[in-house]
C-alpha atoms as a PDB file:
ATOM      1  CA  MET A   1       1.395 -13.821 -44.247  1.00  0.00           C
ATOM      2  CA  THR A   2      -1.677 -12.351 -45.917  1.00  0.00           C
ATOM      3  CA  PHE A   3      -3.119  -8.889 -45.372  1.00  0.00           C
ATOM      4  CA  VAL A   4      -6.106 -10.308 -43.488  1.00  0.00           C
ATOM      5  CA  GLU A   5      -3.830 -12.249 -41.124  1.00  0.00           C
ATOM      6  CA  LEU A   6      -1.742  -9.137 -40.564  1.00  0.00           C
ATOM      7  CA  MET A   7      -4.820  -7.040 -39.748  1.00  0.00           C
ATOM      8  CA  GLU A   8      -6.200  -9.751 -37.452  1.00  0.00           C
ATOM      9  CA  GLY A   9      -2.877  -9.696 -35.603  1.00  0.00           C
ATOM     10  CA  ALA A  10      -3.021  -5.896 -35.384  1.00  0.00           C
ATOM     11  CA  ALA A  11      -6.559  -6.069 -33.969  1.00  0.00           C
ATOM     12  CA  ARG A  12      -5.448  -8.644 -31.393  1.00  0.00           C
ATOM     13  CA  GLY A  13      -2.523  -6.390 -30.516  1.00  0.00           C
ATOM     14  CA  PHE A  14      -4.868  -3.454 -29.925  1.00  0.00           C
ATOM     15  CA  GLU A  15      -7.092  -5.655 -27.785  1.00  0.00           C
ATOM     16  CA  ALA A  16      -4.100  -6.764 -25.698  1.00  0.00           C
ATOM     17  CA  VAL A  17      -3.026  -3.144 -25.220  1.00  0.00           C
ATOM     18  CA  GLY A  18      -6.585  -2.174 -24.268  1.00  0.00           C
ATOM     19  CA  VAL A  19      -6.759  -4.902 -21.630  1.00  0.00           C
ATOM     20  CA  ALA A  20      -3.284  -3.980 -20.352  1.00  0.00           C
ATOM     21  CA  VAL A  21      -4.393  -0.355 -19.999  1.00  0.00           C
ATOM     22  CA  LEU A  22      -7.405  -1.467 -17.951  1.00  0.00           C
ATOM     23  CA  VAL A  23      -5.357  -3.718 -15.663  1.00  0.00           C
ATOM     24  CA  PHE A  24      -2.499  -1.228 -15.267  1.00  0.00           C
ATOM     25  CA  GLY A  25      -4.989   1.603 -14.727  1.00  0.00           C
ATOM     26  CA  LEU A  26      -6.718  -0.295 -11.932  1.00  0.00           C
ATOM     27  CA  LEU A  27      -3.432  -1.141 -10.232  1.00  0.00           C
ATOM     28  CA  TRP A  28      -2.018   2.360 -10.709  1.00  0.00           C
ATOM     29  CA  SER A  29      -5.112   4.198  -9.481  1.00  0.00           C
ATOM     30  CA  GLY A  30      -5.409   1.793  -6.549  1.00  0.00           C
ATOM     31  CA  ALA A  31      -1.786   2.429  -5.599  1.00  0.00           C
ATOM     32  CA  LEU A  32      -2.266   6.203  -5.818  1.00  0.00           C
ATOM     33  CA  ALA A  33      -5.418   6.069  -3.712  1.00  0.00           C
ATOM     34  CA  ALA A  34      -3.790   3.769  -1.166  1.00  0.00           C
ATOM     35  CA  SER A  35      -0.781   6.054  -0.821  1.00  0.00           C
ATOM     36  CA  VAL A  36      -3.039   9.044  -0.197  1.00  0.00           C
ATOM     37  CA  TRP A  37      -5.109   7.049   2.297  1.00  0.00           C
ATOM     38  CA  LEU A  38      -2.048   5.798   4.167  1.00  0.00           C
ATOM     39  CA  LYS A  39      -0.490   9.280   4.312  1.00  0.00           C
ATOM     40  CA  GLY A  40      -3.464  11.245   5.552  1.00  0.00           C
ATOM     41  CA  ARG A  41      -6.366   8.882   6.206  1.00  0.00           C
ATOM     42  CA  VAL A  42      -8.570  11.163   4.111  1.00  0.00           C
ATOM     43  CA  GLY A  43     -11.002   8.778   2.486  1.00  0.00           C
ATOM     44  CA  ARG A  44     -12.668  11.400   0.309  1.00  0.00           C
ATOM     45  CA  ASP A  45      -9.386  12.343  -1.376  1.00  0.00           C
ATOM     46  CA  ALA A  46      -8.376   8.711  -1.852  1.00  0.00           C
ATOM     47  CA  TYR A  47     -11.782   7.861  -3.334  1.00  0.00           C
ATOM     48  CA  ARG A  48     -11.664  10.833  -5.722  1.00  0.00           C
ATOM     49  CA  ILE A  49      -8.192   9.832  -6.899  1.00  0.00           C
ATOM     50  CA  LEU A  50      -9.277   6.206  -7.364  1.00  0.00           C
ATOM     51  CA  ARG A  51     -12.348   7.288  -9.341  1.00  0.00           C
ATOM     52  CA  GLU A  52     -10.503   9.727 -11.562  1.00  0.00           C
ATOM     53  CA  GLY A  53      -7.579   7.393 -12.170  1.00  0.00           C
ATOM     54  CA  PHE A  54      -9.563   4.285 -12.945  1.00  0.00           C
ATOM     55  CA  GLY A  55     -12.246   6.232 -14.797  1.00  0.00           C
ATOM     56  CA  GLY A  56      -9.538   7.642 -17.040  1.00  0.00           C
ATOM     57  CA  ALA A  57      -8.118   4.163 -17.578  1.00  0.00           C
ATOM     58  CA  LEU A  58     -11.575   2.905 -18.522  1.00  0.00           C
ATOM     59  CA  LEU A  59     -12.019   5.702 -21.048  1.00  0.00           C
ATOM     60  CA  LEU A  60      -8.598   5.120 -22.559  1.00  0.00           C
ATOM     61  CA  GLY A  61      -9.130   1.345 -22.634  1.00  0.00           C
ATOM     62  CA  LEU A  62     -12.505   1.763 -24.371  1.00  0.00           C
ATOM     63  CA  GLU A  63     -10.943   4.009 -27.011  1.00  0.00           C
ATOM     64  CA  ILE A  64      -8.261   1.416 -27.740  1.00  0.00           C
ATOM     65  CA  LEU A  65     -10.779  -1.434 -27.871  1.00  0.00           C
ATOM     66  CA  VAL A  66     -12.905   0.538 -30.355  1.00  0.00           C
ATOM     67  CA  ALA A  67      -9.798   0.840 -32.551  1.00  0.00           C
ATOM     68  CA  ALA A  68      -9.396  -2.951 -32.436  1.00  0.00           C
ATOM     69  CA  ASP A  69     -13.024  -3.413 -33.476  1.00  0.00           C
ATOM     70  CA  LEU A  70     -12.590  -0.943 -36.339  1.00  0.00           C
ATOM     71  CA  ILE A  71      -9.521  -2.747 -37.650  1.00  0.00           C
ATOM     72  CA  ARG A  72     -11.174  -6.130 -37.414  1.00  0.00           C
ATOM     73  CA  THR A  73     -14.400  -5.030 -39.095  1.00  0.00           C
ATOM     74  CA  ILE A  74     -12.987  -2.837 -41.842  1.00  0.00           C
ATOM     75  CA  ALA A  75      -9.861  -4.795 -42.774  1.00  0.00           C
ATOM     76  CA  VAL A  76     -10.615  -8.401 -41.810  1.00  0.00           C
ATOM     77  CA  ALA A  77     -14.304  -9.096 -42.451  1.00  0.00           C
ATOM     78  CA  PRO A  78     -16.147  -6.132 -43.987  1.00  0.00           C
ATOM     79  CA  THR A  79     -19.562  -7.740 -44.290  1.00  0.00           C
ATOM     80  CA  LEU A  80     -22.795  -5.810 -43.794  1.00  0.00           C
ATOM     81  CA  GLU A  81     -23.549  -7.850 -40.669  1.00  0.00           C
ATOM     82  CA  ASN A  82     -20.112  -7.090 -39.166  1.00  0.00           C
ATOM     83  CA  VAL A  83     -20.485  -3.380 -39.938  1.00  0.00           C
ATOM     84  CA  GLY A  84     -23.869  -3.410 -38.176  1.00  0.00           C
ATOM     85  CA  VAL A  85     -22.364  -5.152 -35.147  1.00  0.00           C
ATOM     86  CA  LEU A  86     -19.483  -2.653 -35.152  1.00  0.00           C
ATOM     87  CA  GLY A  87     -21.971   0.217 -35.232  1.00  0.00           C
ATOM     88  CA  LEU A  88     -23.782  -1.220 -32.231  1.00  0.00           C
ATOM     89  CA  ILE A  89     -20.512  -1.782 -30.342  1.00  0.00           C
ATOM     90  CA  VAL A  90     -19.334   1.766 -31.069  1.00  0.00           C
ATOM     91  CA  LEU A  91     -22.720   3.142 -30.001  1.00  0.00           C
ATOM     92  CA  ILE A  92     -22.618   1.243 -26.695  1.00  0.00           C
ATOM     93  CA  ARG A  93     -18.983   2.182 -26.010  1.00  0.00           C
ATOM     94  CA  THR A  94     -19.660   5.814 -26.903  1.00  0.00           C
ATOM     95  CA  PHE A  95     -22.551   5.875 -24.438  1.00  0.00           C
ATOM     96  CA  LEU A  96     -20.328   4.273 -21.787  1.00  0.00           C
ATOM     97  CA  SER A  97     -17.539   6.771 -22.435  1.00  0.00           C
ATOM     98  CA  PHE A  98     -19.950   9.685 -22.267  1.00  0.00           C
ATOM     99  CA  SER A  99     -21.492   8.369 -19.047  1.00  0.00           C
ATOM    100  CA  LEU A 100     -18.072   7.829 -17.475  1.00  0.00           C
ATOM    101  CA  GLU A 101     -16.924  11.337 -18.366  1.00  0.00           C
ATOM    102  CA  VAL A 102     -20.071  12.883 -16.904  1.00  0.00           C
ATOM    103  CA  GLU A 103     -19.713  10.747 -13.773  1.00  0.00           C
ATOM    104  CA  ILE A 104     -16.046  11.622 -13.276  1.00  0.00           C
ATOM    105  CA  GLU A 105     -16.255  15.309 -14.200  1.00  0.00           C
ATOM    106  CA  GLY A 106     -19.669  15.982 -12.682  1.00  0.00           C
ATOM    107  CA  THR A 107     -20.720  18.031 -15.708  1.00  0.00           C
ATOM    108  CA  PHE A 108     -21.576  17.575 -19.362  1.00  0.00           C
ATOM    109  CA  PRO A 109     -18.722  17.747 -21.889  1.00  0.00           C
ATOM    110  CA  TRP A 110     -20.062  20.864 -23.603  1.00  0.00           C
ATOM    111  CA  ARG A 111     -19.980  22.688 -20.256  1.00  0.00           C
ATOM    112  CA  ARG A 112     -16.221  22.219 -19.846  1.00  0.00           C
ATOM    113  CA  ALA A 113     -13.092  21.577 -21.824  1.00  0.00           C
ATOM    114  CA  THR A 114     -12.931  18.063 -23.221  1.00  0.00           C
ATOM    115  CA  ALA A 115     -10.777  15.509 -21.463  1.00  0.00           C
ATOM    116  CA  SER A 116      -9.357  12.229 -22.638  1.00  0.00           C
ATOM    117  CA  GLY A 117      -8.788   9.095 -20.615  1.00  0.00           C
ATOM    118  CA  ALA A 118      -5.064   9.831 -20.402  1.00  0.00           C
ATOM    119  CA  GLY A 119      -5.805  13.387 -19.249  1.00  0.00           C
ATOM    120  CA  LEU A 120      -8.022  12.132 -16.449  1.00  0.00           C
ATOM    121  CA  MET A 121      -5.351   9.671 -15.329  1.00  0.00           C
ATOM    122  CA  GLY A 122      -2.820  12.502 -15.274  1.00  0.00           C
ATOM    123  CA  ARG A 123      -5.176  14.665 -13.232  1.00  0.00           C
ATOM    124  CA  ALA A 124      -5.558  11.836 -10.698  1.00  0.00           C
ATOM    125  CA  ALA A 125      -1.764  11.728 -10.325  1.00  0.00           C
ATOM    126  CA  VAL A 126      -1.671  15.496  -9.763  1.00  0.00           C
ATOM    127  CA  HIS A 127      -4.420  15.250  -7.137  1.00  0.00           C
ATOM    128  CA  ALA A 128      -2.516  12.447  -5.386  1.00  0.00           C
ATOM    129  CA  ARG A 129       0.652  14.533  -5.363  1.00  0.00           C
ATOM    130  CA  GLU A 130      -1.259  17.556  -4.004  1.00  0.00           C
ATOM    131  CA  ALA A 131      -2.869  15.457  -1.276  1.00  0.00           C
ATOM    132  CA  LYS A 132       0.511  14.028  -0.239  1.00  0.00           C
ATOM    133  CA  GLN A 133       2.048  17.511  -0.236  1.00  0.00           C
ATOM    134  CA  ALA A 134      -0.803  18.939   1.867  1.00  0.00           C
ATOM    135  CA  GLU A 135      -0.405  16.106   4.350  1.00  0.00           C
ATOM    136  CA  SER A 136       3.349  16.560   4.641  1.00  0.00           C
ATOM    137  CA  ASP A 137       2.883  20.330   5.137  1.00  0.00           C
ATOM    138  CA  ALA A 138       0.440  19.751   7.997  1.00  0.00           C
END
């Protein structure tokens, strides 16, 4: 197995993990939101948990997919055209990540502490747990 084949396999592996994160994140955030909805019938809380959970999964998935693009471009086919395409992909994904963070957080990153996709997913789980606890206390 050559180095290029090894790096192509690594890039495919990162892509598979990125897609798995997106699928798992959708299912996980949907399950959290559904459990909150079924417990208390509070749509606003369920929607917030769904948004935060899946938004975090999207951010994390985009970060992993950018890593796959970097591996493929730098190690597999480092042509000037591929580097230009990679730059455009990273620019688009950076804009998407920034937009998602602003949408989820409701404020610009420099106005708050930075958050990663995994951090947002964790916060959605905490909010789901708090909503379930508040419902069981009532």
